């Protein structure tokens, strides 16, 4: 699953004043911290999954953001 985060008030560049990181949850389990705007989620098993991104700004004065959605990974046809 390809994910690209486009948020006007957030940057994922190393020296930005408005830098943030992404916490990825898959099926309500924390999987990893990501520091890039675009990434690929690999190795999801066939079937339904719930994905959740938490955007955590380094500047504690900024508000956290959350986005959740469902994906269906098809069974591979051979």
PDB file of N, CA and C in Angstrom:
ATOM      1  N   UNK A   1       0.857  -1.169   0.000  1.00  0.00           N
ATOM      2  CA  UNK A   1       0.000   0.000   0.000  1.00  0.00           C
ATOM      3  C   UNK A   1       0.906   1.236   0.000  1.00  0.00           C
ATOM      4  N   UNK A   2       0.729   2.077  -1.000  1.00  0.00           N
ATOM      5  CA  UNK A   2       1.512   3.315  -1.096  1.00  0.00           C
ATOM      6  C   UNK A   2       0.774   4.417  -0.340  1.00  0.00           C
ATOM      7  N   UNK A   3       1.495   5.128   0.525  1.00  0.00           N
ATOM      8  CA  UNK A   3       0.917   6.219   1.316  1.00  0.00           C
ATOM      9  C   UNK A   3       1.752   7.465   1.085  1.00  0.00           C
ATOM     10  N   UNK A   4       1.081   8.571   0.817  1.00  0.00           N
ATOM     11  CA  UNK A   4       1.767   9.857   0.684  1.00  0.00           C
ATOM     12  C   UNK A   4       1.029  10.877   1.531  1.00  0.00           C
ATOM     13  N   UNK A   5       1.747  11.511   2.448  1.00  0.00           N
ATOM     14  CA  UNK A   5       1.166  12.498   3.357  1.00  0.00           C
ATOM     15  C   UNK A   5       1.426  13.898   2.814  1.00  0.00           C
ATOM     16  N   UNK A   6       0.367  14.598   2.490  1.00  0.00           N
ATOM     17  CA  UNK A   6       0.465  15.982   2.026  1.00  0.00           C
ATOM     18  C   UNK A   6      -0.334  16.836   3.010  1.00  0.00           C
ATOM     19  N   UNK A   7       0.395  17.585   3.844  1.00  0.00           N
ATOM     20  CA  UNK A   7      -0.222  18.402   4.885  1.00  0.00           C
ATOM     21  C   UNK A   7       0.417  19.783   4.807  1.00  0.00           C
ATOM     22  N   UNK A   8      -0.385  20.791   4.556  1.00  0.00           N
ATOM     23  CA  UNK A   8       0.157  22.140   4.336  1.00  0.00           C
ATOM     24  C   UNK A   8       0.993  22.662   5.497  1.00  0.00           C
ATOM     25  N   UNK A   9       0.641  22.322   6.723  1.00  0.00           N
ATOM     26  CA  UNK A   9       1.311  22.902   7.891  1.00  0.00           C
ATOM     27  C   UNK A   9       2.425  22.028   8.457  1.00  0.00           C
ATOM     28  N   UNK A  10       2.729  20.908   7.794  1.00  0.00           N
ATOM     29  CA  UNK A  10       3.720  19.959   8.304  1.00  0.00           C
ATOM     30  C   UNK A  10       4.783  19.685   7.241  1.00  0.00           C
ATOM     31  N   UNK A  11       6.021  19.474   7.711  1.00  0.00           N
ATOM     32  CA  UNK A  11       7.108  19.075   6.821  1.00  0.00           C
ATOM     33  C   UNK A  11       7.774  17.830   7.395  1.00  0.00           C
ATOM     34  N   UNK A  12       8.343  17.028   6.530  1.00  0.00           N
ATOM     35  CA  UNK A  12       9.091  15.861   6.968  1.00  0.00           C
ATOM     36  C   UNK A  12      10.580  16.031   6.664  1.00  0.00           C
ATOM     37  N   UNK A  13      10.980  17.243   6.289  1.00  0.00           N
ATOM     38  CA  UNK A  13      12.394  17.538   6.014  1.00  0.00           C
ATOM     39  C   UNK A  13      13.151  17.683   7.329  1.00  0.00           C
ATOM     40  N   UNK A  14      14.398  17.273   7.297  1.00  0.00           N
ATOM     41  CA  UNK A  14      15.208  17.174   8.510  1.00  0.00           C
ATOM     42  C   UNK A  14      15.298  18.470   9.316  1.00  0.00           C
ATOM     43  N   UNK A  15      15.551  19.588   8.682  1.00  0.00           N
ATOM     44  CA  UNK A  15      15.783  20.832   9.421  1.00  0.00           C
ATOM     45  C   UNK A  15      14.609  21.795   9.403  1.00  0.00           C
ATOM     46  N   UNK A  16      13.424  21.318   9.143  1.00  0.00           N
ATOM     47  CA  UNK A  16      12.244  22.194   9.066  1.00  0.00           C
ATOM     48  C   UNK A  16      11.754  22.581  10.465  1.00  0.00           C
ATOM     49  N   UNK A  17      11.218  23.792  10.570  1.00  0.00           N
ATOM     50  CA  UNK A  17      10.656  24.256  11.839  1.00  0.00           C
ATOM     51  C   UNK A  17       9.359  23.520  12.188  1.00  0.00           C
ATOM     52  N   UNK A  18       8.648  23.070  11.178  1.00  0.00           N
ATOM     53  CA  UNK A  18       7.352  22.414  11.382  1.00  0.00           C
ATOM     54  C   UNK A  18       7.449  20.896  11.134  1.00  0.00           C
ATOM     55  N   UNK A  19       8.577  20.298  11.513  1.00  0.00           N
ATOM     56  CA  UNK A  19       8.856  18.875  11.270  1.00  0.00           C
ATOM     57  C   UNK A  19       7.923  17.988  12.100  1.00  0.00           C
ATOM     58  N   UNK A  20       7.592  16.829  11.527  1.00  0.00           N
ATOM     59  CA  UNK A  20       6.746  15.861  12.216  1.00  0.00           C
ATOM     60  C   UNK A  20       7.180  14.446  11.849  1.00  0.00           C
ATOM     61  N   UNK A  21       6.664  13.472  12.594  1.00  0.00           N
ATOM     62  CA  UNK A  21       6.860  12.067  12.258  1.00  0.00           C
ATOM     63  C   UNK A  21       5.488  11.408  12.192  1.00  0.00           C
ATOM     64  N   UNK A  22       5.458  10.238  11.573  1.00  0.00           N
ATOM     65  CA  UNK A  22       4.217   9.482  11.416  1.00  0.00           C
ATOM     66  C   UNK A  22       4.349   8.191  12.217  1.00  0.00           C
ATOM     67  N   UNK A  23       3.328   7.884  12.993  1.00  0.00           N
ATOM     68  CA  UNK A  23       3.248   6.596  13.673  1.00  0.00           C
ATOM     69  C   UNK A  23       2.232   5.767  12.898  1.00  0.00           C
ATOM     70  N   UNK A  24       2.653   4.603  12.400  1.00  0.00           N
ATOM     71  CA  UNK A  24       1.790   3.717  11.625  1.00  0.00           C
ATOM     72  C   UNK A  24       1.242   2.613  12.507  1.00  0.00           C
ATOM     73  N   UNK A  25      -0.077   2.469  12.479  1.00  0.00           N
ATOM     74  CA  UNK A  25      -0.758   1.364  13.156  1.00  0.00           C
ATOM     75  C   UNK A  25      -1.432   0.510  12.090  1.00  0.00           C
ATOM     76  N   UNK A  26      -1.317  -0.803  12.231  1.00  0.00           N
ATOM     77  CA  UNK A  26      -2.015  -1.739  11.358  1.00  0.00           C
ATOM     78  C   UNK A  26      -2.845  -2.643  12.253  1.00  0.00           C
ATOM     79  N   UNK A  27      -4.146  -2.655  12.009  1.00  0.00           N
ATOM     80  CA  UNK A  27      -5.072  -3.455  12.808  1.00  0.00           C
ATOM     81  C   UNK A  27      -4.905  -3.165  14.306  1.00  0.00           C
ATOM     82  N   UNK A  28      -4.844  -1.881  14.630  1.00  0.00           N
ATOM     83  CA  UNK A  28      -4.749  -1.374  16.008  1.00  0.00           C
ATOM     84  C   UNK A  28      -3.447  -1.725  16.724  1.00  0.00           C
ATOM     85  N   UNK A  29      -2.404  -2.109  15.984  1.00  0.00           N
ATOM     86  CA  UNK A  29      -1.105  -2.406  16.580  1.00  0.00           C
ATOM     87  C   UNK A  29      -0.067  -1.451  15.995  1.00  0.00           C
ATOM     88  N   UNK A  30       0.699  -0.821  16.886  1.00  0.00           N
ATOM     89  CA  UNK A  30       1.747   0.086  16.432  1.00  0.00           C
ATOM     90  C   UNK A  30       2.813  -0.712  15.700  1.00  0.00           C
ATOM     91  N   UNK A  31       3.123  -0.293  14.462  1.00  0.00           N
ATOM     92  CA  UNK A  31       4.095  -1.006  13.644  1.00  0.00           C
ATOM     93  C   UNK A  31       5.428  -0.285  13.518  1.00  0.00           C
ATOM     94  N   UNK A  32       5.400   1.026  13.241  1.00  0.00           N
ATOM     95  CA  UNK A  32       6.676   1.727  13.074  1.00  0.00           C
ATOM     96  C   UNK A  32       6.482   3.230  13.100  1.00  0.00           C
ATOM     97  N   UNK A  33       7.609   3.917  13.315  1.00  0.00           N
ATOM     98  CA  UNK A  33       7.665   5.371  13.201  1.00  0.00           C
ATOM     99  C   UNK A  33       8.319   5.694  11.871  1.00  0.00           C
ATOM    100  N   UNK A  34       7.737   6.643  11.161  1.00  0.00           N
ATOM    101  CA  UNK A  34       8.193   6.995   9.820  1.00  0.00           C
ATOM    102  C   UNK A  34       8.499   8.488   9.790  1.00  0.00           C
ATOM    103  N   UNK A  35       9.573   8.855   9.126  1.00  0.00           N
ATOM    104  CA  UNK A  35       9.967  10.268   9.071  1.00  0.00           C
ATOM    105  C   UNK A  35       9.997  10.802   7.644  1.00  0.00           C
ATOM    106  N   UNK A  36       9.283  10.148   6.744  1.00  0.00           N
ATOM    107  CA  UNK A  36       9.184  10.612   5.363  1.00  0.00           C
ATOM    108  C   UNK A  36       7.718  10.845   5.004  1.00  0.00           C
ATOM    109  N   UNK A  37       7.481  11.687   4.015  1.00  0.00           N
ATOM    110  CA  UNK A  37       6.114  12.002   3.603  1.00  0.00           C
ATOM    111  C   UNK A  37       5.472  10.869   2.813  1.00  0.00           C
ATOM    112  N   UNK A  38       6.271  10.070   2.124  1.00  0.00           N
ATOM    113  CA  UNK A  38       5.746   8.964   1.314  1.00  0.00           C
ATOM    114  C   UNK A  38       6.442   7.672   1.717  1.00  0.00           C
ATOM    115  N   UNK A  39       5.669   6.593   1.743  1.00  0.00           N
ATOM    116  CA  UNK A  39       6.225   5.297   2.109  1.00  0.00           C
ATOM    117  C   UNK A  39       5.305   4.188   1.597  1.00  0.00           C
ATOM    118  N   UNK A  40       5.816   2.967   1.613  1.00  0.00           N
ATOM    119  CA  UNK A  40       5.053   1.803   1.165  1.00  0.00           C
ATOM    120  C   UNK A  40       4.906   0.845   2.339  1.00  0.00           C
ATOM    121  N   UNK A  41       3.692   0.372   2.545  1.00  0.00           N
ATOM    122  CA  UNK A  41       3.420  -0.643   3.564  1.00  0.00           C
ATOM    123  C   UNK A  41       3.444  -1.987   2.842  1.00  0.00           C
ATOM    124  N   UNK A  42       4.413  -2.814   3.200  1.00  0.00           N
ATOM    125  CA  UNK A  42       4.593  -4.102   2.523  1.00  0.00           C
ATOM    126  C   UNK A  42       4.141  -5.251   3.420  1.00  0.00           C
ATOM    127  N   UNK A  43       4.003  -6.401   2.794  1.00  0.00           N
ATOM    128  CA  UNK A  43       3.761  -7.674   3.490  1.00  0.00           C
ATOM    129  C   UNK A  43       2.454  -7.716   4.279  1.00  0.00           C
ATOM    130  N   UNK A  44       1.426  -7.046   3.795  1.00  0.00           N
ATOM    131  CA  UNK A  44       0.109  -7.197   4.417  1.00  0.00           C
ATOM    132  C   UNK A  44      -0.507  -8.506   3.936  1.00  0.00           C
ATOM    133  N   UNK A  45      -1.044  -9.263   4.834  1.00  0.00           N
ATOM    134  CA  UNK A  45      -1.662 -10.537   4.461  1.00  0.00           C
ATOM    135  C   UNK A  45      -2.976 -10.273   3.721  1.00  0.00           C
ATOM    136  N   UNK A  46      -3.425 -11.225   2.895  1.00  0.00           N
ATOM    137  CA  UNK A  46      -4.707 -11.055   2.211  1.00  0.00           C
ATOM    138  C   UNK A  46      -5.844 -10.866   3.222  1.00  0.00           C
ATOM    139  N   UNK A  47      -6.803 -10.037   2.841  1.00  0.00           N
ATOM    140  CA  UNK A  47      -7.956  -9.791   3.704  1.00  0.00           C
ATOM    141  C   UNK A  47      -8.056  -8.325   4.093  1.00  0.00           C
ATOM    142  N   UNK A  48      -9.000  -8.010   4.968  1.00  0.00           N
ATOM    143  CA  UNK A  48      -9.214  -6.616   5.371  1.00  0.00           C
ATOM    144  C   UNK A  48      -8.211  -6.185   6.449  1.00  0.00           C
ATOM    145  N   UNK A  49      -7.832  -4.923   6.388  1.00  0.00           N
ATOM    146  CA  UNK A  49      -6.940  -4.334   7.393  1.00  0.00           C
ATOM    147  C   UNK A  49      -7.398  -2.904   7.673  1.00  0.00           C
ATOM    148  N   UNK A  50      -7.178  -2.477   8.892  1.00  0.00           N
ATOM    149  CA  UNK A  50      -7.430  -1.090   9.282  1.00  0.00           C
ATOM    150  C   UNK A  50      -6.077  -0.408   9.454  1.00  0.00           C
ATOM    151  N   UNK A  51      -5.868   0.659   8.702  1.00  0.00           N
ATOM    152  CA  UNK A  51      -4.630   1.433   8.780  1.00  0.00           C
ATOM    153  C   UNK A  51      -4.907   2.743   9.507  1.00  0.00           C
ATOM    154  N   UNK A  52      -3.955   3.151  10.314  1.00  0.00           N
ATOM    155  CA  UNK A  52      -4.093   4.409  11.052  1.00  0.00           C
ATOM    156  C   UNK A  52      -2.745   5.111  11.047  1.00  0.00           C
ATOM    157  N   UNK A  53      -2.764   6.396  10.727  1.00  0.00           N
ATOM    158  CA  UNK A  53      -1.578   7.240  10.797  1.00  0.00           C
ATOM    159  C   UNK A  53      -1.795   8.294  11.867  1.00  0.00           C
ATOM    160  N   UNK A  54      -0.834   8.436  12.745  1.00  0.00           N
ATOM    161  CA  UNK A  54      -0.832   9.541  13.700  1.00  0.00           C
ATOM    162  C   UNK A  54       0.323  10.450  13.319  1.00  0.00           C
ATOM    163  N   UNK A  55       0.023  11.699  13.044  1.00  0.00           N
ATOM    164  CA  UNK A  55       1.043  12.691  12.699  1.00  0.00           C
ATOM    165  C   UNK A  55       1.409  13.409  13.994  1.00  0.00           C
ATOM    166  N   UNK A  56       2.669  13.288  14.390  1.00  0.00           N
ATOM    167  CA  UNK A  56       3.142  13.844  15.657  1.00  0.00           C
ATOM    168  C   UNK A  56       4.139  14.963  15.369  1.00  0.00           C
ATOM    169  N   UNK A  57       3.733  16.227  15.527  1.00  0.00           N
ATOM    170  CA  UNK A  57       4.666  17.333  15.306  1.00  0.00           C
ATOM    171  C   UNK A  57       5.748  17.376  16.395  1.00  0.00           C
ATOM    172  N   UNK A  58       6.969  17.731  16.020  1.00  0.00           N
ATOM    173  CA  UNK A  58       8.032  17.899  17.011  1.00  0.00           C
ATOM    174  C   UNK A  58       7.745  19.092  17.904  1.00  0.00           C
ATOM    175  N   UNK A  59       7.115  20.111  17.345  1.00  0.00           N
ATOM    176  CA  UNK A  59       6.714  21.283  18.116  1.00  0.00           C
ATOM    177  C   UNK A  59       5.461  20.902  18.909  1.00  0.00           C
ATOM    178  N   UNK A  60       5.606  20.743  20.200  1.00  0.00           N
ATOM    179  CA  UNK A  60       4.497  20.269  21.048  1.00  0.00           C
ATOM    180  C   UNK A  60       3.305  21.222  21.060  1.00  0.00           C
ATOM    181  N   UNK A  61       3.508  22.470  20.622  1.00  0.00           N
ATOM    182  CA  UNK A  61       2.403  23.429  20.565  1.00  0.00           C
ATOM    183  C   UNK A  61       1.450  23.110  19.413  1.00  0.00           C
ATOM    184  N   UNK A  62       1.919  22.363  18.415  1.00  0.00           N
ATOM    185  CA  UNK A  62       1.070  22.002  17.268  1.00  0.00           C
ATOM    186  C   UNK A  62       0.236  20.782  17.615  1.00  0.00           C
ATOM    187  N   UNK A  63      -0.910  20.702  16.983  1.00  0.00           N
ATOM    188  CA  UNK A  63      -1.868  19.632  17.252  1.00  0.00           C
ATOM    189  C   UNK A  63      -1.515  18.346  16.497  1.00  0.00           C
ATOM    190  N   UNK A  64      -1.701  17.201  17.166  1.00  0.00           N
ATOM    191  CA  UNK A  64      -1.553  15.907  16.501  1.00  0.00           C
ATOM    192  C   UNK A  64      -2.731  15.691  15.559  1.00  0.00           C
ATOM    193  N   UNK A  65      -2.500  14.907  14.502  1.00  0.00           N
ATOM    194  CA  UNK A  65      -3.559  14.581  13.548  1.00  0.00           C
ATOM    195  C   UNK A  65      -3.619  13.070  13.385  1.00  0.00           C
ATOM    196  N   UNK A  66      -4.805  12.579  13.077  1.00  0.00           N
ATOM    197  CA  UNK A  66      -5.001  11.148  12.876  1.00  0.00           C
ATOM    198  C   UNK A  66      -5.825  10.923  11.625  1.00  0.00           C
ATOM    199  N   UNK A  67      -5.467   9.888  10.876  1.00  0.00           N
ATOM    200  CA  UNK A  67      -6.238   9.468   9.697  1.00  0.00           C
ATOM    201  C   UNK A  67      -6.333   7.951   9.733  1.00  0.00           C
ATOM    202  N   UNK A  68      -7.553   7.432   9.593  1.00  0.00           N
ATOM    203  CA  UNK A  68      -7.782   5.989   9.572  1.00  0.00           C
ATOM    204  C   UNK A  68      -8.565   5.609   8.328  1.00  0.00           C
ATOM    205  N   UNK A  69      -8.269   4.412   7.806  1.00  0.00           N
ATOM    206  CA  UNK A  69      -9.044   3.890   6.692  1.00  0.00           C
ATOM    207  C   UNK A  69      -8.865   2.378   6.622  1.00  0.00           C
ATOM    208  N   UNK A  70      -9.731   1.750   5.852  1.00  0.00           N
ATOM    209  CA  UNK A  70      -9.679   0.299   5.661  1.00  0.00           C
ATOM    210  C   UNK A  70      -9.137  -0.008   4.272  1.00  0.00           C
ATOM    211  N   UNK A  71      -8.400  -1.109   4.177  1.00  0.00           N
ATOM    212  CA  UNK A  71      -7.935  -1.614   2.889  1.00  0.00           C
ATOM    213  C   UNK A  71      -8.274  -3.095   2.811  1.00  0.00           C
ATOM    214  N   UNK A  72      -8.442  -3.580   1.602  1.00  0.00           N
ATOM    215  CA  UNK A  72      -8.687  -5.006   1.358  1.00  0.00           C
ATOM    216  C   UNK A  72      -7.570  -5.499   0.459  1.00  0.00           C
ATOM    217  N   UNK A  73      -6.763  -6.422   0.963  1.00  0.00           N
ATOM    218  CA  UNK A  73      -5.671  -6.992   0.187  1.00  0.00           C
ATOM    219  C   UNK A  73      -6.185  -8.263  -0.463  1.00  0.00           C
ATOM    220  N   UNK A  74      -6.176  -8.318  -1.809  1.00  0.00           N
ATOM    221  CA  UNK A  74      -6.704  -9.497  -2.488  1.00  0.00           C
ATOM    222  C   UNK A  74      -5.774 -10.707  -2.362  1.00  0.00           C
ATOM    223  N   UNK A  75      -6.342 -11.865  -2.532  1.00  0.00           N
ATOM    224  CA  UNK A  75      -5.559 -13.094  -2.574  1.00  0.00           C
ATOM    225  C   UNK A  75      -4.857 -13.152  -3.927  1.00  0.00           C
ATOM    226  N   UNK A  76      -3.571 -13.507  -3.915  1.00  0.00           N
ATOM    227  CA  UNK A  76      -2.809 -13.578  -5.168  1.00  0.00           C
ATOM    228  C   UNK A  76      -3.334 -14.716  -6.022  1.00  0.00           C
ATOM    229  N   UNK A  77      -3.545 -14.427  -7.282  1.00  0.00           N
ATOM    230  CA  UNK A  77      -3.951 -15.448  -8.241  1.00  0.00           C
ATOM    231  C   UNK A  77      -2.703 -15.991  -8.931  1.00  0.00           C
ATOM    232  N   UNK A  78      -2.555 -17.302  -8.970  1.00  0.00           N
ATOM    233  CA  UNK A  78      -1.376 -17.887  -9.605  1.00  0.00           C
ATOM    234  C   UNK A  78      -1.744 -18.571 -10.900  1.00  0.00           C
TER     235      UNK A  78
END
